[in-house]
């Protein structure tokens, strides 16, 4: 029996997400990574920065010149597929721009996600390390960032269903404080699919202890409609001519 087009598309999408999880930066993207790594240093350093007014003005002048040089090489916003794992659009340009896990986004903490197996089941596993720039309670990660990490983790897990979707509900249980400057382990899984609803769950651990758990509900969406939203952004920025 030949699968209908929808079933073929779902299988293709799930396989594409597996490829995205193992994708690496291209040679053309490495220079951007070099810049992003230094911007991350600046973000972390700015949190505890303390200097005289004269020193601060010198540093600000240097940074202003660097920012101008970066802007001079700005190619502008272009729709390149989705920046996050959940409704990722292409395997060639994966979610390297994600503000949560993107290697090319200085807002994101160093984070890795990959598709693995536990028995016969596929799971999404990963690691993340938060610097003091993400501090909430003293010495601990801000709870909002923990929620963001779960959104990214479970977004990737739900994509393995072959039904690209967006977050409808995310529930986080904060079991204990999550430490800064410690390698944290992530684990997420696809639990079930009911029509357009995709259910997921996951854990965050530090030193073998669970610090937070989450459950996510995602609703499958039309990728063409999402692409339309991105094109509207281009038009507002003048990136698409009439």
C-alpha atoms as a PDB file:
ATOM      1  CA  UNK A   1       0.000   0.000   0.000  1.00  0.00           C
ATOM      2  CA  UNK A   2       1.421   3.424  -0.963  1.00  0.00           C
ATOM      3  CA  UNK A   3       1.554   5.978   1.834  1.00  0.00           C
ATOM      4  CA  UNK A   4      -0.444   9.128   1.278  1.00  0.00           C
ATOM      5  CA  UNK A   5       1.444  12.428   0.754  1.00  0.00           C
ATOM      6  CA  UNK A   6       0.840  13.519   4.352  1.00  0.00           C
ATOM      7  CA  UNK A   7       2.411  10.369   5.751  1.00  0.00           C
ATOM      8  CA  UNK A   8       5.423  10.698   3.441  1.00  0.00           C
ATOM      9  CA  UNK A   9       5.872  14.333   4.506  1.00  0.00           C
ATOM     10  CA  UNK A  10       5.733  13.374   8.190  1.00  0.00           C
ATOM     11  CA  UNK A  11       8.411  10.717   7.741  1.00  0.00           C
ATOM     12  CA  UNK A  12      10.568  13.170   5.801  1.00  0.00           C
ATOM     13  CA  UNK A  13      10.203  15.821   8.498  1.00  0.00           C
ATOM     14  CA  UNK A  14      11.203  13.462  11.318  1.00  0.00           C
ATOM     15  CA  UNK A  15      14.281  12.373   9.359  1.00  0.00           C
ATOM     16  CA  UNK A  16      15.188  15.981   8.651  1.00  0.00           C
ATOM     17  CA  UNK A  17      15.140  16.757  12.384  1.00  0.00           C
ATOM     18  CA  UNK A  18      17.556  13.875  13.000  1.00  0.00           C
ATOM     19  CA  UNK A  19      19.889  15.401  10.423  1.00  0.00           C
ATOM     20  CA  UNK A  20      19.550  18.841  11.978  1.00  0.00           C
ATOM     21  CA  UNK A  21      20.586  17.433  15.357  1.00  0.00           C
ATOM     22  CA  UNK A  22      23.856  16.113  13.925  1.00  0.00           C
ATOM     23  CA  UNK A  23      24.589  19.054  11.593  1.00  0.00           C
ATOM     24  CA  UNK A  24      27.802  21.035  11.958  1.00  0.00           C
ATOM     25  CA  UNK A  25      28.719  24.573  11.044  1.00  0.00           C
ATOM     26  CA  UNK A  26      30.019  25.100   7.521  1.00  0.00           C
ATOM     27  CA  UNK A  27      33.353  26.739   6.721  1.00  0.00           C
ATOM     28  CA  UNK A  28      31.463  29.896   5.766  1.00  0.00           C
ATOM     29  CA  UNK A  29      29.828  30.041   9.207  1.00  0.00           C
ATOM     30  CA  UNK A  30      33.005  29.523  11.287  1.00  0.00           C
ATOM     31  CA  UNK A  31      34.019  33.238  11.138  1.00  0.00           C
ATOM     32  CA  UNK A  32      30.656  34.151  12.673  1.00  0.00           C
ATOM     33  CA  UNK A  33      31.269  31.650  15.474  1.00  0.00           C
ATOM     34  CA  UNK A  34      34.601  33.322  16.290  1.00  0.00           C
ATOM     35  CA  UNK A  35      32.806  36.647  16.744  1.00  0.00           C
ATOM     36  CA  UNK A  36      29.944  35.124  18.752  1.00  0.00           C
ATOM     37  CA  UNK A  37      32.357  33.494  21.218  1.00  0.00           C
ATOM     38  CA  UNK A  38      33.934  36.874  22.009  1.00  0.00           C
ATOM     39  CA  UNK A  39      30.544  38.578  22.328  1.00  0.00           C
ATOM     40  CA  UNK A  40      29.589  35.932  24.893  1.00  0.00           C
ATOM     41  CA  UNK A  41      32.718  36.853  26.851  1.00  0.00           C
ATOM     42  CA  UNK A  42      31.640  40.497  26.771  1.00  0.00           C
ATOM     43  CA  UNK A  43      28.132  39.662  27.966  1.00  0.00           C
ATOM     44  CA  UNK A  44      29.480  37.652  30.905  1.00  0.00           C
ATOM     45  CA  UNK A  45      32.117  40.250  31.748  1.00  0.00           C
ATOM     46  CA  UNK A  46      29.634  43.108  31.629  1.00  0.00           C
ATOM     47  CA  UNK A  47      27.672  41.522  34.477  1.00  0.00           C
ATOM     48  CA  UNK A  48      30.492  42.168  37.009  1.00  0.00           C
ATOM     49  CA  UNK A  49      32.238  45.003  35.165  1.00  0.00           C
ATOM     50  CA  UNK A  50      33.665  47.704  37.434  1.00  0.00           C
ATOM     51  CA  UNK A  51      36.003  50.463  36.272  1.00  0.00           C
ATOM     52  CA  UNK A  52      36.568  54.202  36.428  1.00  0.00           C
ATOM     53  CA  UNK A  53      34.525  56.514  34.233  1.00  0.00           C
ATOM     54  CA  UNK A  54      37.580  57.142  32.049  1.00  0.00           C
ATOM     55  CA  UNK A  55      38.217  53.418  31.553  1.00  0.00           C
ATOM     56  CA  UNK A  56      34.551  52.772  30.848  1.00  0.00           C
ATOM     57  CA  UNK A  57      34.515  55.517  28.205  1.00  0.00           C
ATOM     58  CA  UNK A  58      37.598  54.051  26.494  1.00  0.00           C
ATOM     59  CA  UNK A  59      36.039  50.587  26.460  1.00  0.00           C
ATOM     60  CA  UNK A  60      32.722  51.956  25.196  1.00  0.00           C
ATOM     61  CA  UNK A  61      34.533  53.777  22.370  1.00  0.00           C
ATOM     62  CA  UNK A  62      36.335  50.586  21.346  1.00  0.00           C
ATOM     63  CA  UNK A  63      33.132  48.601  21.416  1.00  0.00           C
ATOM     64  CA  UNK A  64      31.334  51.291  19.418  1.00  0.00           C
ATOM     65  CA  UNK A  65      33.946  50.971  16.672  1.00  0.00           C
ATOM     66  CA  UNK A  66      33.682  47.185  16.701  1.00  0.00           C
ATOM     67  CA  UNK A  67      29.898  47.350  16.575  1.00  0.00           C
ATOM     68  CA  UNK A  68      30.099  49.676  13.573  1.00  0.00           C
ATOM     69  CA  UNK A  69      32.427  47.239  11.791  1.00  0.00           C
ATOM     70  CA  UNK A  70      30.071  44.352  12.462  1.00  0.00           C
ATOM     71  CA  UNK A  71      27.101  46.385  11.229  1.00  0.00           C
ATOM     72  CA  UNK A  72      29.025  47.295   8.081  1.00  0.00           C
ATOM     73  CA  UNK A  73      29.196  43.578   7.274  1.00  0.00           C
ATOM     74  CA  UNK A  74      25.551  42.921   8.119  1.00  0.00           C
ATOM     75  CA  UNK A  75      23.837  41.067   5.279  1.00  0.00           C
ATOM     76  CA  UNK A  76      20.439  42.021   6.690  1.00  0.00           C
ATOM     77  CA  UNK A  77      17.640  39.742   7.830  1.00  0.00           C
ATOM     78  CA  UNK A  78      16.830  36.962   5.409  1.00  0.00           C
ATOM     79  CA  UNK A  79      14.398  34.139   5.901  1.00  0.00           C
ATOM     80  CA  UNK A  80      16.648  31.091   6.231  1.00  0.00           C
ATOM     81  CA  UNK A  81      14.389  28.528   7.832  1.00  0.00           C
ATOM     82  CA  UNK A  82      13.430  28.342  11.475  1.00  0.00           C
ATOM     83  CA  UNK A  83      15.806  29.311  14.260  1.00  0.00           C
ATOM     84  CA  UNK A  84      14.548  26.720  16.726  1.00  0.00           C
ATOM     85  CA  UNK A  85      14.287  22.953  16.706  1.00  0.00           C
ATOM     86  CA  UNK A  86      10.518  22.585  16.973  1.00  0.00           C
ATOM     87  CA  UNK A  87       9.311  23.693  13.523  1.00  0.00           C
ATOM     88  CA  UNK A  88      12.763  23.744  11.861  1.00  0.00           C
ATOM     89  CA  UNK A  89      12.401  24.278   8.157  1.00  0.00           C
ATOM     90  CA  UNK A  90      15.557  22.963   6.497  1.00  0.00           C
ATOM     91  CA  UNK A  91      18.379  20.564   7.337  1.00  0.00           C
ATOM     92  CA  UNK A  92      20.934  22.708   5.498  1.00  0.00           C
ATOM     93  CA  UNK A  93      20.348  25.722   7.754  1.00  0.00           C
ATOM     94  CA  UNK A  94      19.378  24.325  11.163  1.00  0.00           C
ATOM     95  CA  UNK A  95      18.679  26.169  14.357  1.00  0.00           C
ATOM     96  CA  UNK A  96      22.112  27.774  14.762  1.00  0.00           C
ATOM     97  CA  UNK A  97      20.431  31.180  15.291  1.00  0.00           C
ATOM     98  CA  UNK A  98      18.223  30.072  18.178  1.00  0.00           C
ATOM     99  CA  UNK A  99      18.368  32.450  21.177  1.00  0.00           C
ATOM    100  CA  UNK A 100      18.334  29.375  23.429  1.00  0.00           C
ATOM    101  CA  UNK A 101      20.707  26.870  21.798  1.00  0.00           C
ATOM    102  CA  UNK A 102      22.130  28.594  18.709  1.00  0.00           C
ATOM    103  CA  UNK A 103      25.876  28.363  18.272  1.00  0.00           C
ATOM    104  CA  UNK A 104      25.715  31.566  16.224  1.00  0.00           C
ATOM    105  CA  UNK A 105      23.611  33.518  18.715  1.00  0.00           C
ATOM    106  CA  UNK A 106      25.583  35.165  21.544  1.00  0.00           C
ATOM    107  CA  UNK A 107      22.429  35.334  23.690  1.00  0.00           C
ATOM    108  CA  UNK A 108      22.383  31.530  23.922  1.00  0.00           C
ATOM    109  CA  UNK A 109      24.402  29.634  26.548  1.00  0.00           C
ATOM    110  CA  UNK A 110      26.757  26.911  25.260  1.00  0.00           C
ATOM    111  CA  UNK A 111      24.272  24.115  24.570  1.00  0.00           C
ATOM    112  CA  UNK A 112      24.268  20.853  22.604  1.00  0.00           C
ATOM    113  CA  UNK A 113      21.287  18.733  21.598  1.00  0.00           C
ATOM    114  CA  UNK A 114      21.349  15.366  19.806  1.00  0.00           C
ATOM    115  CA  UNK A 115      19.022  12.498  19.017  1.00  0.00           C
ATOM    116  CA  UNK A 116      19.871   9.247  20.838  1.00  0.00           C
ATOM    117  CA  UNK A 117      18.226   5.995  21.831  1.00  0.00           C
ATOM    118  CA  UNK A 118      17.090   4.380  25.058  1.00  0.00           C
ATOM    119  CA  UNK A 119      16.120   0.859  24.212  1.00  0.00           C
ATOM    120  CA  UNK A 120      13.857   1.059  21.186  1.00  0.00           C
ATOM    121  CA  UNK A 121      12.795   4.645  21.889  1.00  0.00           C
ATOM    122  CA  UNK A 122      14.349   7.796  20.456  1.00  0.00           C
ATOM    123  CA  UNK A 123      15.194  10.531  22.938  1.00  0.00           C
ATOM    124  CA  UNK A 124      16.739  13.970  22.735  1.00  0.00           C
ATOM    125  CA  UNK A 125      19.788  14.338  24.941  1.00  0.00           C
ATOM    126  CA  UNK A 126      22.048  17.269  25.546  1.00  0.00           C
ATOM    127  CA  UNK A 127      24.237  19.420  27.721  1.00  0.00           C
ATOM    128  CA  UNK A 128      24.237  23.070  28.710  1.00  0.00           C
ATOM    129  CA  UNK A 129      26.401  25.287  30.909  1.00  0.00           C
ATOM    130  CA  UNK A 130      25.157  28.609  32.271  1.00  0.00           C
ATOM    131  CA  UNK A 131      27.534  31.452  33.100  1.00  0.00           C
ATOM    132  CA  UNK A 132      26.774  34.098  35.769  1.00  0.00           C
ATOM    133  CA  UNK A 133      25.037  36.106  33.028  1.00  0.00           C
ATOM    134  CA  UNK A 134      22.041  33.772  33.543  1.00  0.00           C
ATOM    135  CA  UNK A 135      21.894  34.037  37.332  1.00  0.00           C
ATOM    136  CA  UNK A 136      18.594  34.145  39.198  1.00  0.00           C
ATOM    137  CA  UNK A 137      18.920  33.119  42.860  1.00  0.00           C
ATOM    138  CA  UNK A 138      22.519  33.515  44.129  1.00  0.00           C
ATOM    139  CA  UNK A 139      24.726  30.974  42.343  1.00  0.00           C
ATOM    140  CA  UNK A 140      21.771  29.447  40.499  1.00  0.00           C
ATOM    141  CA  UNK A 141      20.228  29.599  37.033  1.00  0.00           C
ATOM    142  CA  UNK A 142      17.236  31.919  36.538  1.00  0.00           C
ATOM    143  CA  UNK A 143      14.035  29.892  36.321  1.00  0.00           C
ATOM    144  CA  UNK A 144      13.004  31.622  33.107  1.00  0.00           C
ATOM    145  CA  UNK A 145      16.072  30.293  31.345  1.00  0.00           C
ATOM    146  CA  UNK A 146      15.365  26.791  32.606  1.00  0.00           C
ATOM    147  CA  UNK A 147      11.907  27.043  31.052  1.00  0.00           C
ATOM    148  CA  UNK A 148      13.441  28.274  27.797  1.00  0.00           C
ATOM    149  CA  UNK A 149      15.815  25.297  27.710  1.00  0.00           C
ATOM    150  CA  UNK A 150      12.893  22.910  28.191  1.00  0.00           C
ATOM    151  CA  UNK A 151      10.996  24.629  25.384  1.00  0.00           C
ATOM    152  CA  UNK A 152      13.959  24.006  23.062  1.00  0.00           C
ATOM    153  CA  UNK A 153      14.546  20.449  24.285  1.00  0.00           C
ATOM    154  CA  UNK A 154      10.924  19.342  24.083  1.00  0.00           C
ATOM    155  CA  UNK A 155      10.455  21.237  20.839  1.00  0.00           C
ATOM    156  CA  UNK A 156      13.070  19.000  19.288  1.00  0.00           C
ATOM    157  CA  UNK A 157      11.570  15.883  20.881  1.00  0.00           C
ATOM    158  CA  UNK A 158       8.086  16.627  19.511  1.00  0.00           C
ATOM    159  CA  UNK A 159       9.530  17.113  16.028  1.00  0.00           C
ATOM    160  CA  UNK A 160      10.525  13.438  15.944  1.00  0.00           C
ATOM    161  CA  UNK A 161       6.820  12.689  15.620  1.00  0.00           C
ATOM    162  CA  UNK A 162       6.965  14.072  12.087  1.00  0.00           C
ATOM    163  CA  UNK A 163       4.321  16.661  12.977  1.00  0.00           C
ATOM    164  CA  UNK A 164       6.023  20.093  13.108  1.00  0.00           C
ATOM    165  CA  UNK A 165       4.453  22.099  15.882  1.00  0.00           C
ATOM    166  CA  UNK A 166       4.615  25.041  18.231  1.00  0.00           C
ATOM    167  CA  UNK A 167       4.344  25.212  21.996  1.00  0.00           C
ATOM    168  CA  UNK A 168       0.806  25.366  23.346  1.00  0.00           C
ATOM    169  CA  UNK A 169       1.606  24.609  26.984  1.00  0.00           C
ATOM    170  CA  UNK A 170       4.805  24.145  28.975  1.00  0.00           C
ATOM    171  CA  UNK A 171       4.743  23.100  32.640  1.00  0.00           C
ATOM    172  CA  UNK A 172       7.983  23.148  34.652  1.00  0.00           C
ATOM    173  CA  UNK A 173       8.477  21.639  38.104  1.00  0.00           C
ATOM    174  CA  UNK A 174      11.513  23.172  39.824  1.00  0.00           C
ATOM    175  CA  UNK A 175      12.722  20.339  42.032  1.00  0.00           C
ATOM    176  CA  UNK A 176      15.840  22.015  43.454  1.00  0.00           C
ATOM    177  CA  UNK A 177      18.119  24.951  42.549  1.00  0.00           C
ATOM    178  CA  UNK A 178      20.047  24.516  39.282  1.00  0.00           C
ATOM    179  CA  UNK A 179      23.700  25.578  39.703  1.00  0.00           C
ATOM    180  CA  UNK A 180      25.634  27.992  37.528  1.00  0.00           C
ATOM    181  CA  UNK A 181      28.998  27.018  36.001  1.00  0.00           C
ATOM    182  CA  UNK A 182      28.133  23.314  36.101  1.00  0.00           C
ATOM    183  CA  UNK A 183      27.586  20.973  33.162  1.00  0.00           C
ATOM    184  CA  UNK A 184      23.898  20.140  33.130  1.00  0.00           C
ATOM    185  CA  UNK A 185      22.409  17.089  31.429  1.00  0.00           C
ATOM    186  CA  UNK A 186      19.181  17.246  29.414  1.00  0.00           C
ATOM    187  CA  UNK A 187      16.817  14.455  28.412  1.00  0.00           C
ATOM    188  CA  UNK A 188      13.543  14.813  26.504  1.00  0.00           C
ATOM    189  CA  UNK A 189      11.129  12.390  24.855  1.00  0.00           C
ATOM    190  CA  UNK A 190       8.045  12.168  22.712  1.00  0.00           C
ATOM    191  CA  UNK A 191       5.252  10.658  24.812  1.00  0.00           C
ATOM    192  CA  UNK A 192       2.229  10.514  22.513  1.00  0.00           C
ATOM    193  CA  UNK A 193       0.374  12.066  19.578  1.00  0.00           C
ATOM    194  CA  UNK A 194      -3.379  12.710  19.471  1.00  0.00           C
ATOM    195  CA  UNK A 195      -4.444  14.378  16.248  1.00  0.00           C
ATOM    196  CA  UNK A 196      -2.680  17.750  16.104  1.00  0.00           C
ATOM    197  CA  UNK A 197      -1.611  17.476  19.764  1.00  0.00           C
ATOM    198  CA  UNK A 198       1.911  16.241  20.527  1.00  0.00           C
ATOM    199  CA  UNK A 199       2.844  15.443  24.157  1.00  0.00           C
ATOM    200  CA  UNK A 200       6.407  15.454  25.509  1.00  0.00           C
ATOM    201  CA  UNK A 201       8.329  15.341  28.793  1.00  0.00           C
ATOM    202  CA  UNK A 202      11.895  15.813  30.002  1.00  0.00           C
ATOM    203  CA  UNK A 203      14.363  16.323  32.843  1.00  0.00           C
ATOM    204  CA  UNK A 204      17.299  18.551  33.700  1.00  0.00           C
ATOM    205  CA  UNK A 205      19.985  17.103  35.978  1.00  0.00           C
ATOM    206  CA  UNK A 206      23.121  18.377  37.719  1.00  0.00           C
ATOM    207  CA  UNK A 207      25.624  15.889  39.106  1.00  0.00           C
ATOM    208  CA  UNK A 208      23.132  13.062  38.631  1.00  0.00           C
ATOM    209  CA  UNK A 209      20.356  14.827  40.555  1.00  0.00           C
ATOM    210  CA  UNK A 210      17.179  16.081  38.881  1.00  0.00           C
ATOM    211  CA  UNK A 211      16.837  19.842  39.328  1.00  0.00           C
ATOM    212  CA  UNK A 212      13.757  20.333  37.128  1.00  0.00           C
ATOM    213  CA  UNK A 213      11.159  18.373  35.154  1.00  0.00           C
ATOM    214  CA  UNK A 214       8.823  19.555  32.412  1.00  0.00           C
ATOM    215  CA  UNK A 215       5.857  18.494  30.310  1.00  0.00           C
ATOM    216  CA  UNK A 216       5.060  20.116  26.985  1.00  0.00           C
ATOM    217  CA  UNK A 217       2.046  20.181  24.688  1.00  0.00           C
ATOM    218  CA  UNK A 218       2.686  21.154  21.076  1.00  0.00           C
ATOM    219  CA  UNK A 219       0.179  21.767  18.310  1.00  0.00           C
ATOM    220  CA  UNK A 220       1.167  20.819  14.761  1.00  0.00           C
ATOM    221  CA  UNK A 221       1.121  23.758  12.353  1.00  0.00           C
ATOM    222  CA  UNK A 222       1.272  24.564   8.657  1.00  0.00           C
ATOM    223  CA  UNK A 223       4.906  25.308   7.760  1.00  0.00           C
ATOM    224  CA  UNK A 224       3.858  27.471   4.808  1.00  0.00           C
ATOM    225  CA  UNK A 225       1.953  29.748   7.176  1.00  0.00           C
ATOM    226  CA  UNK A 226       4.998  30.144   9.429  1.00  0.00           C
ATOM    227  CA  UNK A 227       7.153  30.929   6.420  1.00  0.00           C
ATOM    228  CA  UNK A 228       4.689  33.708   5.617  1.00  0.00           C
ATOM    229  CA  UNK A 229       5.271  35.275   9.033  1.00  0.00           C
ATOM    230  CA  UNK A 230       9.022  35.332   8.382  1.00  0.00           C
ATOM    231  CA  UNK A 231       8.543  36.979   4.996  1.00  0.00           C
ATOM    232  CA  UNK A 232       6.487  39.687   6.697  1.00  0.00           C
ATOM    233  CA  UNK A 233       9.504  40.427   8.921  1.00  0.00           C
ATOM    234  CA  UNK A 234      11.662  40.809   5.806  1.00  0.00           C
ATOM    235  CA  UNK A 235       9.157  43.209   4.308  1.00  0.00           C
ATOM    236  CA  UNK A 236       9.067  45.340   7.475  1.00  0.00           C
ATOM    237  CA  UNK A 237      12.870  45.563   7.407  1.00  0.00           C
ATOM    238  CA  UNK A 238      12.944  46.302   3.699  1.00  0.00           C
ATOM    239  CA  UNK A 239      14.558  42.954   2.920  1.00  0.00           C
ATOM    240  CA  UNK A 240      11.992  42.112   0.242  1.00  0.00           C
ATOM    241  CA  UNK A 241      11.290  44.483  -2.596  1.00  0.00           C
ATOM    242  CA  UNK A 242       7.856  44.925  -4.042  1.00  0.00           C
END
